[in-house]
Amino acid sequence: MYYTSKVKNIRTNISPPIRNLAVSMVCSKLDCFQPVTLPSLVKLVTTMKSTTCPLDTIPSALLKDVITIAGPSILTIFNSSLATGPVPTCFKHAVVQPLLKKPNLDPTLPSNYKPISAFPFKSP
């Protein structure tokens, strides 16, 4: 409830976007991606910190052990997502856990916590 009211408060205090700004900006559109290669995926996965998330379908330590076998399938999912735009739904979930901001704060007050999102190991 505490965070719900915080979000509502933030939303009501945000001013609407200003349209038709006469500002000269140089922008680059992210519409072109290089496909991920198997060697770069293997390197990334094997050097990542092993984490645990309740949403993990496979423990990160096991994934690290089998990445050379499972890598081509994972690579297909990632490169397909980059090429077409949609991200698989299973990569869009996180477990949000409250973490006390400082050890000396009162743990009975919700305002003394910050939300921490735990994503599955395989999330982009």
N, C-alpha and C. Protein backbone atom coordinates (compact mmCIF):
# COMPACT_ATOMS: atom_id res chain seq x y z
N MET A 1 0.82 -1.19 0.00
CA MET A 1 0.00 0.00 0.00
C MET A 1 0.87 1.26 0.00
N TYR A 2 1.96 1.21 0.76
CA TYR A 2 2.83 2.38 0.86
C TYR A 2 3.36 2.77 -0.52
N TYR A 3 3.87 1.77 -1.27
CA TYR A 3 4.45 2.08 -2.58
C TYR A 3 3.38 2.48 -3.60
N THR A 4 2.19 1.93 -3.47
CA THR A 4 1.10 2.32 -4.36
C THR A 4 0.79 3.80 -4.19
N SER A 5 0.71 4.26 -2.96
CA SER A 5 0.43 5.68 -2.74
C SER A 5 1.60 6.55 -3.18
N LYS A 6 2.82 6.06 -3.04
CA LYS A 6 3.99 6.82 -3.51
C LYS A 6 3.93 7.01 -5.03
N VAL A 7 3.61 5.94 -5.75
CA VAL A 7 3.53 6.00 -7.21
C VAL A 7 2.42 6.96 -7.63
N LYS A 8 1.27 6.88 -6.98
CA LYS A 8 0.17 7.79 -7.31
C LYS A 8 0.57 9.24 -7.07
N ASN A 9 1.27 9.49 -5.97
CA ASN A 9 1.73 10.83 -5.65
C ASN A 9 2.71 11.35 -6.70
N ILE A 10 3.63 10.52 -7.10
CA ILE A 10 4.61 10.92 -8.12
C ILE A 10 3.90 11.23 -9.43
N ARG A 11 2.97 10.37 -9.82
CA ARG A 11 2.25 10.58 -11.08
C ARG A 11 1.45 11.87 -11.08
N THR A 12 0.85 12.22 -9.96
CA THR A 12 0.07 13.45 -9.91
C THR A 12 0.94 14.69 -9.92
N ASN A 13 2.19 14.56 -9.47
CA ASN A 13 3.08 15.71 -9.40
C ASN A 13 3.96 15.88 -10.64
N ILE A 14 3.88 14.97 -11.56
CA ILE A 14 4.65 15.10 -12.79
C ILE A 14 3.86 15.96 -13.76
N SER A 15 4.51 16.99 -14.25
CA SER A 15 3.82 17.86 -15.21
C SER A 15 3.74 17.16 -16.56
N PRO A 16 2.70 17.48 -17.35
CA PRO A 16 2.58 16.85 -18.67
C PRO A 16 3.75 17.25 -19.56
N PRO A 17 4.11 16.40 -20.51
CA PRO A 17 5.24 16.72 -21.38
C PRO A 17 4.98 17.97 -22.21
N ILE A 18 6.00 18.76 -22.40
CA ILE A 18 5.89 19.97 -23.22
C ILE A 18 6.06 19.56 -24.68
N ARG A 19 5.13 19.96 -25.49
CA ARG A 19 5.16 19.59 -26.91
C ARG A 19 5.74 20.73 -27.73
N ASN A 20 6.21 20.39 -28.92
CA ASN A 20 6.73 21.36 -29.87
C ASN A 20 7.90 22.19 -29.32
N LEU A 21 8.83 21.51 -28.71
CA LEU A 21 10.01 22.21 -28.22
C LEU A 21 10.88 22.61 -29.40
N ALA A 22 11.31 23.84 -29.42
CA ALA A 22 12.18 24.32 -30.49
C ALA A 22 13.63 24.15 -30.06
N VAL A 23 14.01 22.91 -29.89
CA VAL A 23 15.37 22.61 -29.45
C VAL A 23 16.03 21.77 -30.52
N SER A 24 17.21 22.15 -30.88
CA SER A 24 17.95 21.39 -31.87
C SER A 24 18.67 20.25 -31.16
N MET A 25 18.32 19.03 -31.51
CA MET A 25 18.92 17.88 -30.86
C MET A 25 19.42 16.90 -31.90
N VAL A 26 20.51 16.26 -31.58
CA VAL A 26 21.01 15.19 -32.43
C VAL A 26 20.63 13.89 -31.75
N CYS A 27 19.83 13.12 -32.43
CA CYS A 27 19.36 11.86 -31.85
C CYS A 27 19.78 10.70 -32.74
N SER A 28 19.95 9.59 -32.10
CA SER A 28 20.18 8.38 -32.89
C SER A 28 19.11 7.39 -32.49
N LYS A 29 18.50 6.82 -33.46
CA LYS A 29 17.42 5.87 -33.22
C LYS A 29 18.02 4.47 -33.11
N LEU A 30 17.63 3.75 -32.09
CA LEU A 30 18.13 2.39 -31.90
C LEU A 30 17.29 1.43 -32.73
N ASP A 31 17.56 1.37 -34.02
CA ASP A 31 16.79 0.48 -34.87
C ASP A 31 17.67 -0.56 -35.55
N CYS A 32 18.91 -0.64 -35.16
CA CYS A 32 19.82 -1.59 -35.78
C CYS A 32 20.70 -2.21 -34.69
N PHE A 33 20.65 -3.51 -34.60
CA PHE A 33 21.45 -4.23 -33.62
C PHE A 33 22.32 -5.26 -34.32
N GLN A 34 23.50 -5.44 -33.80
CA GLN A 34 24.36 -6.50 -34.28
C GLN A 34 23.92 -7.79 -33.58
N PRO A 35 23.79 -8.88 -34.31
CA PRO A 35 23.43 -10.14 -33.63
C PRO A 35 24.48 -10.52 -32.60
N VAL A 36 24.02 -11.10 -31.51
CA VAL A 36 24.91 -11.58 -30.47
C VAL A 36 25.57 -12.85 -31.00
N THR A 37 26.86 -12.98 -30.77
CA THR A 37 27.57 -14.18 -31.22
C THR A 37 27.68 -15.17 -30.07
N LEU A 38 27.84 -16.44 -30.40
CA LEU A 38 27.95 -17.47 -29.38
C LEU A 38 29.16 -17.23 -28.48
N PRO A 39 30.35 -16.90 -29.04
CA PRO A 39 31.48 -16.65 -28.15
C PRO A 39 31.24 -15.49 -27.17
N SER A 40 30.56 -14.42 -27.63
CA SER A 40 30.31 -13.30 -26.72
C SER A 40 29.28 -13.68 -25.66
N LEU A 41 28.29 -14.50 -26.02
CA LEU A 41 27.30 -14.96 -25.05
C LEU A 41 27.96 -15.85 -24.00
N VAL A 42 28.79 -16.78 -24.45
CA VAL A 42 29.48 -17.68 -23.53
C VAL A 42 30.36 -16.88 -22.56
N LYS A 43 31.09 -15.91 -23.10
CA LYS A 43 31.95 -15.09 -22.25
C LYS A 43 31.12 -14.31 -21.23
N LEU A 44 30.03 -13.72 -21.68
CA LEU A 44 29.18 -12.94 -20.78
C LEU A 44 28.61 -13.81 -19.66
N VAL A 45 28.05 -14.95 -20.02
CA VAL A 45 27.42 -15.82 -19.03
C VAL A 45 28.44 -16.37 -18.04
N THR A 46 29.58 -16.80 -18.54
CA THR A 46 30.58 -17.41 -17.65
C THR A 46 31.25 -16.41 -16.72
N THR A 47 31.23 -15.13 -17.08
CA THR A 47 31.85 -14.13 -16.22
C THR A 47 30.86 -13.42 -15.30
N MET A 48 29.57 -13.68 -15.49
CA MET A 48 28.56 -13.05 -14.63
C MET A 48 28.58 -13.68 -13.25
N LYS A 49 28.19 -12.87 -12.26
CA LYS A 49 28.06 -13.36 -10.90
C LYS A 49 26.88 -14.33 -10.83
N SER A 50 27.08 -15.46 -10.20
CA SER A 50 25.98 -16.41 -10.02
C SER A 50 25.00 -15.84 -9.01
N THR A 51 23.75 -15.75 -9.42
CA THR A 51 22.71 -15.19 -8.56
C THR A 51 21.58 -16.20 -8.42
N THR A 52 20.70 -15.92 -7.50
CA THR A 52 19.54 -16.77 -7.31
C THR A 52 18.28 -15.90 -7.32
N CYS A 53 17.31 -16.33 -8.07
CA CYS A 53 16.02 -15.65 -8.13
C CYS A 53 14.95 -16.73 -8.16
N PRO A 54 13.86 -16.54 -7.43
CA PRO A 54 12.79 -17.54 -7.45
C PRO A 54 12.24 -17.80 -8.85
N LEU A 55 12.43 -16.87 -9.77
CA LEU A 55 11.91 -17.03 -11.13
C LEU A 55 12.85 -17.82 -12.04
N ASP A 56 14.05 -18.11 -11.58
CA ASP A 56 14.99 -18.86 -12.41
C ASP A 56 14.46 -20.26 -12.69
N THR A 57 14.43 -20.61 -13.97
CA THR A 57 13.99 -21.96 -14.34
C THR A 57 15.15 -22.94 -14.26
N ILE A 58 16.36 -22.41 -14.25
CA ILE A 58 17.56 -23.21 -14.13
C ILE A 58 18.54 -22.43 -13.27
N PRO A 59 19.17 -23.06 -12.29
CA PRO A 59 20.13 -22.33 -11.45
C PRO A 59 21.26 -21.73 -12.30
N SER A 60 21.67 -20.53 -11.97
CA SER A 60 22.69 -19.84 -12.77
C SER A 60 23.99 -20.62 -12.83
N ALA A 61 24.36 -21.30 -11.75
CA ALA A 61 25.60 -22.09 -11.77
C ALA A 61 25.49 -23.23 -12.78
N LEU A 62 24.32 -23.85 -12.89
CA LEU A 62 24.13 -24.92 -13.86
C LEU A 62 24.13 -24.36 -15.29
N LEU A 63 23.50 -23.21 -15.48
CA LEU A 63 23.51 -22.58 -16.80
C LEU A 63 24.93 -22.29 -17.25
N LYS A 64 25.75 -21.82 -16.32
CA LYS A 64 27.15 -21.55 -16.65
C LYS A 64 27.86 -22.83 -17.10
N ASP A 65 27.52 -23.94 -16.46
CA ASP A 65 28.15 -25.22 -16.81
C ASP A 65 27.72 -25.74 -18.18
N VAL A 66 26.49 -25.41 -18.61
CA VAL A 66 25.97 -25.96 -19.86
C VAL A 66 25.80 -24.92 -20.97
N ILE A 67 26.39 -23.74 -20.78
CA ILE A 67 26.16 -22.65 -21.73
C ILE A 67 26.64 -23.01 -23.14
N THR A 68 27.69 -23.79 -23.26
CA THR A 68 28.15 -24.14 -24.61
C THR A 68 27.15 -25.05 -25.31
N ILE A 69 26.36 -25.80 -24.55
CA ILE A 69 25.33 -26.68 -25.13
C ILE A 69 24.02 -25.90 -25.33
N ALA A 70 23.60 -25.16 -24.32
CA ALA A 70 22.33 -24.43 -24.37
C ALA A 70 22.47 -23.09 -25.10
N GLY A 71 23.69 -22.62 -25.26
CA GLY A 71 23.94 -21.32 -25.85
C GLY A 71 23.27 -21.07 -27.19
N PRO A 72 23.35 -22.00 -28.16
CA PRO A 72 22.71 -21.74 -29.45
C PRO A 72 21.20 -21.49 -29.35
N SER A 73 20.52 -22.21 -28.46
CA SER A 73 19.07 -21.99 -28.30
C SER A 73 18.80 -20.63 -27.66
N ILE A 74 19.58 -20.28 -26.64
CA ILE A 74 19.42 -18.98 -25.98
C ILE A 74 19.74 -17.87 -26.97
N LEU A 75 20.76 -18.08 -27.77
CA LEU A 75 21.17 -17.11 -28.78
C LEU A 75 20.05 -16.85 -29.78
N THR A 76 19.36 -17.90 -30.18
CA THR A 76 18.24 -17.77 -31.11
C THR A 76 17.15 -16.88 -30.51
N ILE A 77 16.85 -17.08 -29.23
CA ILE A 77 15.81 -16.28 -28.56
C ILE A 77 16.24 -14.82 -28.50
N PHE A 78 17.47 -14.57 -28.04
CA PHE A 78 17.95 -13.19 -27.92
C PHE A 78 18.01 -12.49 -29.27
N ASN A 79 18.61 -13.13 -30.27
CA ASN A 79 18.75 -12.48 -31.57
C ASN A 79 17.40 -12.29 -32.24
N SER A 80 16.47 -13.22 -32.04
CA SER A 80 15.13 -13.06 -32.59
C SER A 80 14.44 -11.87 -31.94
N SER A 81 14.62 -11.72 -30.63
CA SER A 81 14.03 -10.59 -29.91
C SER A 81 14.62 -9.27 -30.40
N LEU A 82 15.93 -9.23 -30.61
CA LEU A 82 16.56 -8.00 -31.11
C LEU A 82 16.11 -7.68 -32.53
N ALA A 83 15.93 -8.71 -33.36
CA ALA A 83 15.57 -8.50 -34.76
C ALA A 83 14.11 -8.09 -34.94
N THR A 84 13.22 -8.63 -34.10
CA THR A 84 11.79 -8.39 -34.30
C THR A 84 11.20 -7.37 -33.33
N GLY A 85 11.84 -7.17 -32.20
CA GLY A 85 11.36 -6.19 -31.23
C GLY A 85 10.74 -6.77 -29.99
N PRO A 86 9.84 -7.75 -30.09
CA PRO A 86 9.22 -8.27 -28.87
C PRO A 86 10.20 -9.01 -27.96
N VAL A 87 10.05 -8.79 -26.66
CA VAL A 87 10.84 -9.50 -25.67
C VAL A 87 9.93 -10.57 -25.08
N PRO A 88 10.40 -11.82 -25.00
CA PRO A 88 9.55 -12.87 -24.43
C PRO A 88 9.04 -12.50 -23.04
N THR A 89 7.79 -12.81 -22.79
CA THR A 89 7.14 -12.46 -21.54
C THR A 89 7.91 -12.96 -20.33
N CYS A 90 8.51 -14.13 -20.43
CA CYS A 90 9.23 -14.69 -19.28
C CYS A 90 10.41 -13.82 -18.87
N PHE A 91 10.89 -12.95 -19.75
CA PHE A 91 12.01 -12.06 -19.42
C PHE A 91 11.53 -10.74 -18.81
N LYS A 92 10.23 -10.56 -18.70
CA LYS A 92 9.68 -9.29 -18.23
C LYS A 92 9.22 -9.34 -16.78
N HIS A 93 9.51 -10.39 -16.08
CA HIS A 93 9.06 -10.54 -14.70
C HIS A 93 10.22 -10.38 -13.73
N ALA A 94 9.91 -9.86 -12.57
CA ALA A 94 10.90 -9.71 -11.51
C ALA A 94 10.22 -9.96 -10.17
N VAL A 95 10.99 -10.35 -9.20
CA VAL A 95 10.50 -10.48 -7.84
C VAL A 95 10.99 -9.23 -7.11
N VAL A 96 10.06 -8.47 -6.57
CA VAL A 96 10.41 -7.23 -5.87
C VAL A 96 10.43 -7.53 -4.37
N GLN A 97 11.58 -7.25 -3.76
CA GLN A 97 11.75 -7.51 -2.34
C GLN A 97 12.12 -6.21 -1.63
N PRO A 98 11.54 -5.96 -0.45
CA PRO A 98 11.91 -4.76 0.30
C PRO A 98 13.26 -4.95 0.98
N LEU A 99 14.07 -3.90 0.96
CA LEU A 99 15.38 -3.92 1.60
C LEU A 99 15.47 -2.68 2.49
N LEU A 100 15.82 -2.90 3.75
CA LEU A 100 15.96 -1.79 4.67
C LEU A 100 17.05 -0.85 4.17
N LYS A 101 16.76 0.45 4.08
CA LYS A 101 17.70 1.42 3.52
C LYS A 101 18.99 1.50 4.33
N LYS A 102 18.86 1.52 5.65
CA LYS A 102 20.03 1.58 6.54
C LYS A 102 19.76 0.67 7.72
N PRO A 103 20.79 0.00 8.24
CA PRO A 103 20.57 -0.94 9.35
C PRO A 103 19.97 -0.32 10.61
N ASN A 104 20.22 0.96 10.84
CA ASN A 104 19.75 1.58 12.07
C ASN A 104 18.32 2.11 11.98
N LEU A 105 17.65 1.96 10.83
CA LEU A 105 16.29 2.46 10.67
C LEU A 105 15.27 1.50 11.27
N ASP A 106 14.12 2.03 11.62
CA ASP A 106 13.04 1.25 12.21
C ASP A 106 12.45 0.31 11.16
N PRO A 107 12.59 -1.01 11.34
CA PRO A 107 12.08 -1.96 10.34
C PRO A 107 10.57 -2.08 10.31
N THR A 108 9.86 -1.44 11.23
CA THR A 108 8.40 -1.52 11.23
C THR A 108 7.77 -0.45 10.34
N LEU A 109 8.59 0.51 9.87
CA LEU A 109 8.07 1.56 9.01
C LEU A 109 8.34 1.25 7.54
N PRO A 110 7.28 1.13 6.73
CA PRO A 110 7.48 0.83 5.30
C PRO A 110 8.32 1.87 4.57
N SER A 111 8.30 3.11 5.01
CA SER A 111 9.07 4.17 4.34
C SER A 111 10.58 3.99 4.50
N ASN A 112 11.00 3.12 5.40
CA ASN A 112 12.42 2.87 5.61
C ASN A 112 12.97 1.78 4.69
N TYR A 113 12.13 1.32 3.77
CA TYR A 113 12.54 0.27 2.85
C TYR A 113 12.63 0.81 1.43
N LYS A 114 13.45 0.17 0.64
CA LYS A 114 13.50 0.47 -0.79
C LYS A 114 13.23 -0.84 -1.53
N PRO A 115 12.54 -0.76 -2.67
CA PRO A 115 12.25 -1.99 -3.42
C PRO A 115 13.48 -2.42 -4.24
N ILE A 116 13.78 -3.69 -4.19
CA ILE A 116 14.87 -4.26 -4.97
C ILE A 116 14.27 -5.31 -5.90
N SER A 117 14.54 -5.19 -7.19
CA SER A 117 14.00 -6.13 -8.17
C SER A 117 15.01 -7.22 -8.45
N ALA A 118 14.58 -8.45 -8.29
CA ALA A 118 15.43 -9.61 -8.60
C ALA A 118 14.91 -10.19 -9.92
N PHE A 119 15.76 -10.13 -10.95
CA PHE A 119 15.40 -10.66 -12.25
C PHE A 119 16.00 -12.04 -12.44
N PRO A 120 15.35 -12.87 -13.25
CA PRO A 120 15.96 -14.16 -13.55
C PRO A 120 17.34 -13.97 -14.19
N PHE A 121 18.22 -14.91 -13.97
CA PHE A 121 19.59 -14.84 -14.47
C PHE A 121 19.65 -14.64 -15.97
N LYS A 122 18.71 -15.25 -16.69
CA LYS A 122 18.74 -15.20 -18.15
C LYS A 122 18.11 -13.95 -18.74
N SER A 123 17.59 -13.05 -17.88
CA SER A 123 16.96 -11.83 -18.41
C SER A 123 17.97 -10.93 -19.07
N PRO A 124 17.53 -10.23 -20.15
CA PRO A 124 18.44 -9.30 -20.82
C PRO A 124 18.74 -8.08 -20.00
